[in-house]
Amino acid sequence: LILTGARREELAGLRWNDVDFKWGSIWVKDKVAEEGRKIPLTPYFASLLLDLKKRNDTPPPKDRILHGKRIENDVTNWQPSPWVFSSKGAAAGRIAEPRITHNRALSVAGLSHVTLHGLRRTFASLAEWVEMPRGVVAQIMGHAPNATAEKHYINRPLELLAVWHGKYEAWILEQAGIEFKQPDKEKQSDLREVA
């Protein structure tokens, strides 16, 4: 949420066919625009999703040990989940209520409480540190345009949004002390073909 500025349900409802690794975009169901919106798939977030995709697409082992007994998995009927943030315990098959886990993670990390929606708000606040134009922030977050120029004259392509979104993500990673080296172009295209 802090990396994408998306609403909680927009990410929770994300399906693998909404993620375009080749063109670097994510289609999210938007609560404002019925047709949804495309946002950039930034390099670090793409690497996280690629790891999830590899795990999602890997069938379970032939058998497992449960209470000291070998049990055979039903590999013949196994299918990968269509959901990016799948959950075997949720009725819908996707993450439904992340607040408990979110609050536990905050506690373990020793961080003060912030709501999931607060992470989305933080995206908007921190975007000022990289001087991201307000209209770009609003478009990525899915806010309806409110000025005449925004409504009728300014059309920002995904590539322009990606430039600013990439700067934001790089700054966030720097502030968090996360070292991330973008894959070179050759490796990046190989990874995208796998996805």
C-alpha atoms as a PDB file:
ATOM      1  CA  LEU A   1       0.000   0.000   0.000  1.00  0.00           C
ATOM      2  CA  ILE A   2       2.820   2.388   0.824  1.00  0.00           C
ATOM      3  CA  LEU A   3       4.617   1.501  -2.435  1.00  0.00           C
ATOM      4  CA  THR A   4       1.590   1.702  -4.738  1.00  0.00           C
ATOM      5  CA  GLY A   5      -0.805   4.165  -3.098  1.00  0.00           C
ATOM      6  CA  ALA A   6      -3.597   1.699  -3.863  1.00  0.00           C
ATOM      7  CA  ARG A   7      -6.611   1.070  -1.655  1.00  0.00           C
ATOM      8  CA  ARG A   8      -6.564  -2.088   0.478  1.00  0.00           C
ATOM      9  CA  GLU A   9      -9.257  -3.852  -1.544  1.00  0.00           C
ATOM     10  CA  GLU A  10      -7.665  -2.845  -4.835  1.00  0.00           C
ATOM     11  CA  LEU A  11      -4.584  -4.876  -3.948  1.00  0.00           C
ATOM     12  CA  ALA A  12      -6.469  -7.645  -2.141  1.00  0.00           C
ATOM     13  CA  GLY A  13      -8.548  -8.206  -5.300  1.00  0.00           C
ATOM     14  CA  LEU A  14      -5.531  -8.247  -7.605  1.00  0.00           C
ATOM     15  CA  ARG A  15      -5.407 -11.247  -9.936  1.00  0.00           C
ATOM     16  CA  TRP A  16      -2.362 -12.503 -11.804  1.00  0.00           C
ATOM     17  CA  ASN A  17      -3.946 -11.580 -15.125  1.00  0.00           C
ATOM     18  CA  ASP A  18      -4.084  -7.947 -13.849  1.00  0.00           C
ATOM     19  CA  VAL A  19      -0.277  -7.844 -13.555  1.00  0.00           C
ATOM     20  CA  ASP A  20       1.671  -7.196 -16.749  1.00  0.00           C
ATOM     21  CA  PHE A  21       5.345  -7.907 -16.088  1.00  0.00           C
ATOM     22  CA  LYS A  22       6.247  -7.365 -19.732  1.00  0.00           C
ATOM     23  CA  TRP A  23       4.897  -3.805 -19.946  1.00  0.00           C
ATOM     24  CA  GLY A  24       5.358  -2.920 -16.276  1.00  0.00           C
ATOM     25  CA  SER A  25       1.783  -2.211 -15.303  1.00  0.00           C
ATOM     26  CA  ILE A  26      -0.945  -3.285 -12.911  1.00  0.00           C
ATOM     27  CA  TRP A  27      -4.639  -2.968 -13.638  1.00  0.00           C
ATOM     28  CA  VAL A  28      -6.588  -2.280 -10.450  1.00  0.00           C
ATOM     29  CA  LYS A  29     -10.313  -2.233  -9.925  1.00  0.00           C
ATOM     30  CA  ASP A  30     -11.020   1.355  -9.033  1.00  0.00           C
ATOM     31  CA  LYS A  31     -13.825   2.451  -6.725  1.00  0.00           C
ATOM     32  CA  VAL A  32     -14.062   5.764  -8.628  1.00  0.00           C
ATOM     33  CA  ALA A  33     -13.648   4.715 -12.279  1.00  0.00           C
ATOM     34  CA  GLU A  34     -15.749   1.685 -13.196  1.00  0.00           C
ATOM     35  CA  GLU A  35     -13.307   0.542 -15.856  1.00  0.00           C
ATOM     36  CA  GLY A  36     -10.440   0.552 -13.361  1.00  0.00           C
ATOM     37  CA  ARG A  37      -7.037   2.116 -13.870  1.00  0.00           C
ATOM     38  CA  LYS A  38      -3.511   1.143 -14.794  1.00  0.00           C
ATOM     39  CA  ILE A  39      -0.663   2.023 -12.494  1.00  0.00           C
ATOM     40  CA  PRO A  40       3.061   1.453 -12.973  1.00  0.00           C
ATOM     41  CA  LEU A  41       4.621  -1.778 -11.783  1.00  0.00           C
ATOM     42  CA  THR A  42       7.788  -0.413 -10.209  1.00  0.00           C
ATOM     43  CA  PRO A  43      10.985  -2.524 -10.250  1.00  0.00           C
ATOM     44  CA  TYR A  44      11.135  -3.496  -6.568  1.00  0.00           C
ATOM     45  CA  PHE A  45       7.412  -4.239  -6.342  1.00  0.00           C
ATOM     46  CA  ALA A  46       7.735  -6.292  -9.541  1.00  0.00           C
ATOM     47  CA  SER A  47      10.522  -8.339  -7.923  1.00  0.00           C
ATOM     48  CA  LEU A  48       8.287  -9.025  -4.903  1.00  0.00           C
ATOM     49  CA  LEU A  49       5.416 -10.098  -7.156  1.00  0.00           C
ATOM     50  CA  LEU A  50       7.702 -12.299  -9.260  1.00  0.00           C
ATOM     51  CA  ASP A  51       8.725 -14.141  -6.086  1.00  0.00           C
ATOM     52  CA  LEU A  52       5.052 -14.602  -5.189  1.00  0.00           C
ATOM     53  CA  LYS A  53       4.288 -15.801  -8.723  1.00  0.00           C
ATOM     54  CA  LYS A  54       7.047 -18.409  -8.618  1.00  0.00           C
ATOM     55  CA  ARG A  55       5.711 -19.704  -5.299  1.00  0.00           C
ATOM     56  CA  ASN A  56       2.127 -19.619  -6.587  1.00  0.00           C
ATOM     57  CA  ASP A  57       3.023 -21.535  -9.753  1.00  0.00           C
ATOM     58  CA  THR A  58       5.018 -24.252  -7.967  1.00  0.00           C
ATOM     59  CA  PRO A  59       2.927 -27.377  -7.351  1.00  0.00           C
ATOM     60  CA  PRO A  60       3.012 -28.914  -3.879  1.00  0.00           C
ATOM     61  CA  PRO A  61       5.322 -31.872  -3.259  1.00  0.00           C
ATOM     62  CA  LYS A  62       4.008 -35.365  -3.929  1.00  0.00           C
ATOM     63  CA  ASP A  63       3.544 -35.968  -0.209  1.00  0.00           C
ATOM     64  CA  ARG A  64       3.938 -34.307   3.190  1.00  0.00           C
ATOM     65  CA  ILE A  65       4.443 -35.340   6.804  1.00  0.00           C
ATOM     66  CA  LEU A  66       1.533 -34.630   9.157  1.00  0.00           C
ATOM     67  CA  HIS A  67       1.670 -35.779  12.795  1.00  0.00           C
ATOM     68  CA  GLY A  68       4.520 -38.121  11.930  1.00  0.00           C
ATOM     69  CA  LYS A  69       2.631 -39.787   9.064  1.00  0.00           C
ATOM     70  CA  ARG A  70       3.326 -39.493   5.350  1.00  0.00           C
ATOM     71  CA  ILE A  71       0.258 -38.139   3.525  1.00  0.00           C
ATOM     72  CA  GLU A  72      -0.056 -37.930  -0.222  1.00  0.00           C
ATOM     73  CA  ASN A  73      -0.974 -34.515  -1.650  1.00  0.00           C
ATOM     74  CA  ASP A  74      -3.602 -34.303  -4.373  1.00  0.00           C
ATOM     75  CA  VAL A  75      -1.221 -33.052  -7.042  1.00  0.00           C
ATOM     76  CA  THR A  76      -3.416 -34.074  -9.988  1.00  0.00           C
ATOM     77  CA  ASN A  77      -6.175 -31.592  -9.044  1.00  0.00           C
ATOM     78  CA  TRP A  78      -3.800 -28.812  -7.990  1.00  0.00           C
ATOM     79  CA  GLN A  79      -4.032 -25.479  -9.793  1.00  0.00           C
ATOM     80  CA  PRO A  80      -2.222 -22.216  -9.135  1.00  0.00           C
ATOM     81  CA  SER A  81      -4.318 -19.504  -7.518  1.00  0.00           C
ATOM     82  CA  PRO A  82      -5.639 -16.727  -9.764  1.00  0.00           C
ATOM     83  CA  TRP A  83      -5.120 -14.284  -6.852  1.00  0.00           C
ATOM     84  CA  VAL A  84      -1.855 -12.433  -6.295  1.00  0.00           C
ATOM     85  CA  PHE A  85      -2.461 -12.340  -2.540  1.00  0.00           C
ATOM     86  CA  SER A  86      -4.044 -15.752  -2.183  1.00  0.00           C
ATOM     87  CA  SER A  87      -5.113 -17.289   1.100  1.00  0.00           C
ATOM     88  CA  LYS A  88      -5.965 -20.949   1.590  1.00  0.00           C
ATOM     89  CA  GLY A  89      -7.871 -20.101   4.762  1.00  0.00           C
ATOM     90  CA  ALA A  90     -10.155 -17.470   3.219  1.00  0.00           C
ATOM     91  CA  ALA A  91     -13.483 -18.448   1.677  1.00  0.00           C
ATOM     92  CA  ALA A  92     -12.838 -16.284  -1.391  1.00  0.00           C
ATOM     93  CA  GLY A  93      -9.366 -17.773  -1.873  1.00  0.00           C
ATOM     94  CA  ARG A  94      -7.688 -14.408  -1.410  1.00  0.00           C
ATOM     95  CA  ILE A  95      -6.598 -12.313   1.530  1.00  0.00           C
ATOM     96  CA  ALA A  96      -9.712 -10.914   3.194  1.00  0.00           C
ATOM     97  CA  GLU A  97      -8.772  -9.379   6.536  1.00  0.00           C
ATOM     98  CA  PRO A  98      -5.123  -8.319   6.761  1.00  0.00           C
ATOM     99  CA  ARG A  99      -5.450  -6.062   9.818  1.00  0.00           C
ATOM    100  CA  ILE A 100      -4.573  -8.708  12.427  1.00  0.00           C
ATOM    101  CA  THR A 101      -1.392  -9.720  10.605  1.00  0.00           C
ATOM    102  CA  HIS A 102      -0.583  -6.069   9.888  1.00  0.00           C
ATOM    103  CA  ASN A 103      -0.922  -5.146  13.569  1.00  0.00           C
ATOM    104  CA  ARG A 104       1.216  -8.141  14.577  1.00  0.00           C
ATOM    105  CA  ALA A 105       3.940  -7.091  12.119  1.00  0.00           C
ATOM    106  CA  LEU A 106       3.906  -3.538  13.515  1.00  0.00           C
ATOM    107  CA  SER A 107       4.272  -4.916  17.030  1.00  0.00           C
ATOM    108  CA  VAL A 108       7.146  -7.252  16.126  1.00  0.00           C
ATOM    109  CA  ALA A 109       8.929  -4.397  14.316  1.00  0.00           C
ATOM    110  CA  GLY A 110       8.382  -2.064  17.279  1.00  0.00           C
ATOM    111  CA  LEU A 111       6.551   0.487  15.152  1.00  0.00           C
ATOM    112  CA  SER A 112       3.731   2.702  16.317  1.00  0.00           C
ATOM    113  CA  HIS A 113       0.241   1.902  15.063  1.00  0.00           C
ATOM    114  CA  VAL A 114      -0.702   2.914  11.554  1.00  0.00           C
ATOM    115  CA  THR A 115      -3.830   1.694   9.787  1.00  0.00           C
ATOM    116  CA  LEU A 116      -3.744   0.060   6.390  1.00  0.00           C
ATOM    117  CA  HIS A 117      -5.460   3.134   4.962  1.00  0.00           C
ATOM    118  CA  GLY A 118      -2.828   5.194   6.772  1.00  0.00           C
ATOM    119  CA  LEU A 119      -0.202   3.506   4.588  1.00  0.00           C
ATOM    120  CA  ARG A 120      -2.089   4.749   1.531  1.00  0.00           C
ATOM    121  CA  ARG A 121      -2.179   8.261   3.000  1.00  0.00           C
ATOM    122  CA  THR A 122       1.545   7.957   3.683  1.00  0.00           C
ATOM    123  CA  PHE A 123       2.123   7.333  -0.031  1.00  0.00           C
ATOM    124  CA  ALA A 124       0.570  10.726  -0.784  1.00  0.00           C
ATOM    125  CA  SER A 125       2.538  12.475   1.966  1.00  0.00           C
ATOM    126  CA  LEU A 126       5.915  10.933   1.157  1.00  0.00           C
ATOM    127  CA  ALA A 127       5.540  11.585  -2.580  1.00  0.00           C
ATOM    128  CA  GLU A 128       6.307  15.236  -1.820  1.00  0.00           C
ATOM    129  CA  TRP A 129       9.861  14.243  -0.829  1.00  0.00           C
ATOM    130  CA  VAL A 130      10.598  13.376  -4.452  1.00  0.00           C
ATOM    131  CA  GLU A 131       8.586  16.378  -5.654  1.00  0.00           C
ATOM    132  CA  MET A 132       6.100  14.158  -7.457  1.00  0.00           C
ATOM    133  CA  PRO A 133       3.456  16.399  -9.080  1.00  0.00           C
ATOM    134  CA  ARG A 134       0.112  16.281  -7.258  1.00  0.00           C
ATOM    135  CA  GLY A 135      -1.711  15.267 -10.421  1.00  0.00           C
ATOM    136  CA  VAL A 136       0.593  12.264 -10.848  1.00  0.00           C
ATOM    137  CA  VAL A 137       0.018  11.254  -7.211  1.00  0.00           C
ATOM    138  CA  ALA A 138      -3.749  11.595  -7.648  1.00  0.00           C
ATOM    139  CA  GLN A 139      -3.757   9.581 -10.878  1.00  0.00           C
ATOM    140  CA  ILE A 140      -1.699   6.739  -9.381  1.00  0.00           C
ATOM    141  CA  MET A 141      -3.911   6.683  -6.261  1.00  0.00           C
ATOM    142  CA  GLY A 142      -7.116   6.725  -8.311  1.00  0.00           C
ATOM    143  CA  HIS A 143      -8.430  10.071  -7.099  1.00  0.00           C
ATOM    144  CA  ALA A 144     -10.918  11.709  -9.413  1.00  0.00           C
ATOM    145  CA  PRO A 145      -9.484  14.800 -11.132  1.00  0.00           C
ATOM    146  CA  ASN A 146     -10.812  17.962  -9.515  1.00  0.00           C
ATOM    147  CA  ALA A 147      -9.388  20.815 -11.588  1.00  0.00           C
ATOM    148  CA  THR A 148     -10.587  21.718 -15.078  1.00  0.00           C
ATOM    149  CA  ALA A 149      -7.116  21.205 -16.537  1.00  0.00           C
ATOM    150  CA  GLU A 150      -6.853  17.754 -14.917  1.00  0.00           C
ATOM    151  CA  LYS A 151     -10.290  16.739 -16.190  1.00  0.00           C
ATOM    152  CA  HIS A 152     -10.062  17.981 -19.751  1.00  0.00           C
ATOM    153  CA  TYR A 153      -6.505  18.775 -20.807  1.00  0.00           C
ATOM    154  CA  ILE A 154      -3.922  16.638 -19.060  1.00  0.00           C
ATOM    155  CA  ASN A 155      -3.470  13.056 -20.162  1.00  0.00           C
ATOM    156  CA  ARG A 156      -0.502  11.367 -18.520  1.00  0.00           C
ATOM    157  CA  PRO A 157       0.640   8.131 -20.142  1.00  0.00           C
ATOM    158  CA  LEU A 158       1.685   5.183 -17.998  1.00  0.00           C
ATOM    159  CA  GLU A 159       5.333   5.769 -18.943  1.00  0.00           C
ATOM    160  CA  LEU A 160       5.287   9.249 -17.373  1.00  0.00           C
ATOM    161  CA  LEU A 161       3.615   7.918 -14.230  1.00  0.00           C
ATOM    162  CA  ALA A 162       6.301   5.208 -14.108  1.00  0.00           C
ATOM    163  CA  VAL A 163       9.123   7.782 -14.137  1.00  0.00           C
ATOM    164  CA  TRP A 164       7.763   9.495 -11.019  1.00  0.00           C
ATOM    165  CA  HIS A 165       6.618   6.295  -9.349  1.00  0.00           C
ATOM    166  CA  GLY A 166      10.081   4.791  -9.868  1.00  0.00           C
ATOM    167  CA  LYS A 167      11.721   7.816  -8.240  1.00  0.00           C
ATOM    168  CA  TYR A 168       9.344   7.491  -5.302  1.00  0.00           C
ATOM    169  CA  GLU A 169      10.030   3.776  -4.866  1.00  0.00           C
ATOM    170  CA  ALA A 170      13.819   4.273  -5.063  1.00  0.00           C
ATOM    171  CA  TRP A 171      13.601   6.990  -2.387  1.00  0.00           C
ATOM    172  CA  ILE A 172      11.434   4.797  -0.111  1.00  0.00           C
ATOM    173  CA  LEU A 173      13.921   1.930  -0.412  1.00  0.00           C
ATOM    174  CA  GLU A 174      16.821   4.285   0.347  1.00  0.00           C
ATOM    175  CA  GLN A 175      15.050   5.628   3.452  1.00  0.00           C
ATOM    176  CA  ALA A 176      14.256   2.091   4.610  1.00  0.00           C
ATOM    177  CA  GLY A 177      17.854   0.962   4.084  1.00  0.00           C
ATOM    178  CA  ILE A 178      16.779  -1.691   1.576  1.00  0.00           C
ATOM    179  CA  GLU A 179      19.454  -2.396  -0.992  1.00  0.00           C
ATOM    180  CA  PHE A 180      17.878  -3.294  -4.292  1.00  0.00           C
ATOM    181  CA  LYS A 181      19.774  -3.618  -7.516  1.00  0.00           C
ATOM    182  CA  GLN A 182      17.509  -3.592 -10.523  1.00  0.00           C
ATOM    183  CA  PRO A 183      18.108  -6.607 -12.743  1.00  0.00           C
ATOM    184  CA  ASP A 184      19.968  -5.766 -15.938  1.00  0.00           C
ATOM    185  CA  LYS A 185      17.849  -5.556 -19.091  1.00  0.00           C
ATOM    186  CA  GLU A 186      18.682  -9.113 -20.215  1.00  0.00           C
ATOM    187  CA  LYS A 187      17.778 -10.728 -16.875  1.00  0.00           C
ATOM    188  CA  GLN A 188      14.714  -8.512 -16.580  1.00  0.00           C
ATOM    189  CA  SER A 189      13.348  -9.717 -19.916  1.00  0.00           C
ATOM    190  CA  ASP A 190      14.059 -13.342 -18.947  1.00  0.00           C
ATOM    191  CA  LEU A 191      12.129 -12.907 -15.706  1.00  0.00           C
ATOM    192  CA  ARG A 192       9.216 -11.268 -17.493  1.00  0.00           C
ATOM    193  CA  GLU A 193       9.035 -14.133 -19.975  1.00  0.00           C
ATOM    194  CA  VAL A 194       8.783 -16.590 -17.070  1.00  0.00           C
ATOM    195  CA  ALA A 195       5.944 -14.556 -15.584  1.00  0.00           C
END
